[in-house]
Amino acid sequence: MESLYLLIPLSVVLVFVIGVVFWWSVRSGQFDDLEGPGYRVVVDDDAPPVVKPPVKEDDGGTSR
């Protein structure tokens, strides 16, 4: 019986924490697109990825 004095408040706090984490995930957009990542796995990409050449920075005409 004495263990209930610890377990009931602990379970209430745990439910509150789970609710806050779920609310945060819904508000931050974690559940916006549930099907997109699954489709991206099976899409056949025939074209290789485009690699851009490195851009040389201009020093403004001054030499050091």
N, C-alpha and C. Protein backbone atom coordinates (compact mmCIF):
# COMPACT_ATOMS: atom_id res chain seq x y z
N MET A 1 0.82 -1.20 0.00
CA MET A 1 0.00 0.00 0.00
C MET A 1 0.87 1.27 0.00
N GLU A 2 1.98 1.21 0.71
CA GLU A 2 2.83 2.39 0.79
C GLU A 2 3.51 2.69 -0.55
N SER A 3 3.67 1.64 -1.38
CA SER A 3 4.31 1.88 -2.68
C SER A 3 3.41 2.70 -3.60
N LEU A 4 2.09 2.68 -3.36
CA LEU A 4 1.18 3.48 -4.18
C LEU A 4 1.40 4.97 -3.99
N TYR A 5 1.87 5.37 -2.82
CA TYR A 5 2.16 6.79 -2.58
C TYR A 5 3.29 7.28 -3.47
N LEU A 6 4.13 6.37 -3.92
CA LEU A 6 5.21 6.74 -4.83
C LEU A 6 4.79 6.51 -6.28
N LEU A 7 4.12 5.41 -6.57
CA LEU A 7 3.82 5.04 -7.95
C LEU A 7 2.76 5.92 -8.60
N ILE A 8 1.75 6.34 -7.87
CA ILE A 8 0.69 7.16 -8.46
C ILE A 8 1.22 8.53 -8.88
N PRO A 9 1.93 9.28 -8.03
CA PRO A 9 2.48 10.56 -8.51
C PRO A 9 3.52 10.37 -9.62
N LEU A 10 4.30 9.29 -9.55
CA LEU A 10 5.28 9.03 -10.59
C LEU A 10 4.60 8.77 -11.92
N SER A 11 3.51 8.04 -11.93
CA SER A 11 2.79 7.77 -13.17
C SER A 11 2.13 9.04 -13.72
N VAL A 12 1.63 9.90 -12.84
CA VAL A 12 1.03 11.15 -13.29
C VAL A 12 2.09 12.04 -13.94
N VAL A 13 3.26 12.10 -13.35
CA VAL A 13 4.36 12.90 -13.92
C VAL A 13 4.79 12.29 -15.26
N LEU A 14 4.86 10.98 -15.35
CA LEU A 14 5.26 10.33 -16.59
C LEU A 14 4.25 10.60 -17.70
N VAL A 15 2.97 10.55 -17.40
CA VAL A 15 1.94 10.86 -18.40
C VAL A 15 2.04 12.31 -18.84
N PHE A 16 2.31 13.21 -17.91
CA PHE A 16 2.48 14.62 -18.25
C PHE A 16 3.68 14.83 -19.17
N VAL A 17 4.79 14.17 -18.89
CA VAL A 17 6.00 14.31 -19.71
C VAL A 17 5.75 13.74 -21.11
N ILE A 18 5.09 12.60 -21.20
CA ILE A 18 4.78 12.02 -22.51
C ILE A 18 3.85 12.95 -23.29
N GLY A 19 2.89 13.56 -22.63
CA GLY A 19 1.99 14.50 -23.29
C GLY A 19 2.73 15.71 -23.82
N VAL A 20 3.67 16.24 -23.05
CA VAL A 20 4.45 17.40 -23.49
C VAL A 20 5.33 17.05 -24.69
N VAL A 21 5.96 15.89 -24.66
CA VAL A 21 6.80 15.47 -25.78
C VAL A 21 5.95 15.26 -27.04
N PHE A 22 4.77 14.66 -26.90
CA PHE A 22 3.90 14.47 -28.05
C PHE A 22 3.41 15.81 -28.59
N TRP A 23 3.04 16.74 -27.72
CA TRP A 23 2.59 18.07 -28.14
C TRP A 23 3.71 18.79 -28.89
N TRP A 24 4.93 18.69 -28.38
CA TRP A 24 6.08 19.34 -29.03
C TRP A 24 6.30 18.74 -30.43
N SER A 25 6.20 17.42 -30.55
CA SER A 25 6.45 16.80 -31.85
C SER A 25 5.38 17.17 -32.86
N VAL A 26 4.14 17.32 -32.43
CA VAL A 26 3.08 17.74 -33.35
C VAL A 26 3.28 19.18 -33.77
N ARG A 27 3.63 20.05 -32.83
CA ARG A 27 3.82 21.47 -33.13
C ARG A 27 5.05 21.73 -34.00
N SER A 28 6.08 20.88 -33.91
CA SER A 28 7.29 21.11 -34.68
C SER A 28 7.25 20.46 -36.06
N GLY A 29 6.14 19.79 -36.40
CA GLY A 29 5.97 19.27 -37.74
C GLY A 29 6.49 17.86 -37.96
N GLN A 30 6.65 17.09 -36.92
CA GLN A 30 7.16 15.73 -37.08
C GLN A 30 6.19 14.82 -37.82
N PHE A 31 4.90 15.12 -37.79
CA PHE A 31 3.90 14.27 -38.42
C PHE A 31 3.29 14.90 -39.67
N ASP A 32 3.95 15.88 -40.27
CA ASP A 32 3.40 16.56 -41.44
C ASP A 32 3.36 15.66 -42.67
N ASP A 33 4.44 14.96 -42.96
CA ASP A 33 4.52 14.12 -44.16
C ASP A 33 4.93 12.71 -43.75
N LEU A 34 3.94 11.84 -43.59
CA LEU A 34 4.24 10.48 -43.16
C LEU A 34 4.55 9.55 -44.32
N GLU A 35 4.12 9.88 -45.55
CA GLU A 35 4.31 8.99 -46.69
C GLU A 35 5.51 9.37 -47.54
N GLY A 36 5.96 10.60 -47.50
CA GLY A 36 7.05 11.06 -48.35
C GLY A 36 8.34 10.29 -48.19
N PRO A 37 8.84 10.07 -46.97
CA PRO A 37 10.09 9.32 -46.84
C PRO A 37 10.00 7.89 -47.37
N GLY A 38 8.83 7.26 -47.25
CA GLY A 38 8.66 5.91 -47.79
C GLY A 38 8.72 5.89 -49.30
N TYR A 39 8.15 6.91 -49.94
CA TYR A 39 8.20 6.97 -51.40
C TYR A 39 9.60 7.30 -51.90
N ARG A 40 10.35 8.12 -51.17
CA ARG A 40 11.70 8.48 -51.59
C ARG A 40 12.63 7.27 -51.59
N VAL A 41 12.35 6.28 -50.76
CA VAL A 41 13.19 5.09 -50.72
C VAL A 41 13.04 4.27 -51.99
N VAL A 42 11.82 4.17 -52.52
CA VAL A 42 11.58 3.31 -53.66
C VAL A 42 11.64 4.02 -55.01
N VAL A 43 11.83 5.31 -55.04
CA VAL A 43 11.92 6.05 -56.31
C VAL A 43 13.23 5.70 -56.99
N ASP A 44 13.14 5.40 -58.28
CA ASP A 44 14.31 5.02 -59.06
C ASP A 44 14.96 6.28 -59.63
N ASP A 45 16.13 6.61 -59.15
CA ASP A 45 16.87 7.77 -59.64
C ASP A 45 17.89 7.29 -60.67
N ASP A 46 17.59 7.52 -61.97
CA ASP A 46 18.49 7.09 -63.03
C ASP A 46 19.64 8.08 -63.23
N ALA A 47 19.38 9.35 -63.00
CA ALA A 47 20.39 10.38 -63.23
C ALA A 47 21.32 10.46 -62.01
N PRO A 48 22.64 10.54 -62.26
CA PRO A 48 23.57 10.71 -61.13
C PRO A 48 23.40 12.09 -60.52
N PRO A 49 23.76 12.25 -59.27
CA PRO A 49 23.64 13.57 -58.65
C PRO A 49 24.58 14.58 -59.30
N VAL A 50 24.14 15.82 -59.38
CA VAL A 50 24.92 16.89 -59.99
C VAL A 50 25.91 17.42 -58.95
N VAL A 51 27.18 17.42 -59.34
CA VAL A 51 28.22 17.92 -58.47
C VAL A 51 28.70 19.26 -59.02
N LYS A 52 28.60 20.30 -58.22
CA LYS A 52 29.03 21.63 -58.66
C LYS A 52 30.53 21.78 -58.42
N PRO A 53 31.24 22.40 -59.37
CA PRO A 53 32.68 22.62 -59.16
C PRO A 53 32.88 23.67 -58.07
N PRO A 54 34.01 23.58 -57.38
CA PRO A 54 34.27 24.57 -56.32
C PRO A 54 34.44 25.97 -56.91
N VAL A 55 33.97 26.96 -56.20
CA VAL A 55 34.05 28.35 -56.64
C VAL A 55 35.26 29.00 -55.99
N LYS A 56 36.12 29.62 -56.85
CA LYS A 56 37.27 30.33 -56.33
C LYS A 56 36.83 31.71 -55.87
N GLU A 57 37.29 32.10 -54.70
CA GLU A 57 36.93 33.40 -54.17
C GLU A 57 37.83 34.47 -54.76
N ASP A 58 37.23 35.62 -55.11
CA ASP A 58 37.97 36.73 -55.65
C ASP A 58 38.48 37.57 -54.49
N ASP A 59 39.77 37.90 -54.52
CA ASP A 59 40.35 38.69 -53.42
C ASP A 59 40.21 40.18 -53.66
N GLY A 60 39.48 40.60 -54.68
CA GLY A 60 39.23 42.01 -54.91
C GLY A 60 40.36 42.71 -55.63
N GLY A 61 41.27 41.98 -56.27
CA GLY A 61 42.35 42.61 -57.03
C GLY A 61 43.56 42.96 -56.19
N THR A 62 43.54 42.70 -54.95
CA THR A 62 44.70 43.00 -54.11
C THR A 62 45.50 41.72 -53.90
N SER A 63 46.79 41.82 -54.04
CA SER A 63 47.64 40.65 -53.77
C SER A 63 48.35 40.84 -52.44
N ARG A 64 48.59 39.78 -51.82
CA ARG A 64 49.21 39.85 -50.49
C ARG A 64 50.62 39.38 -50.54
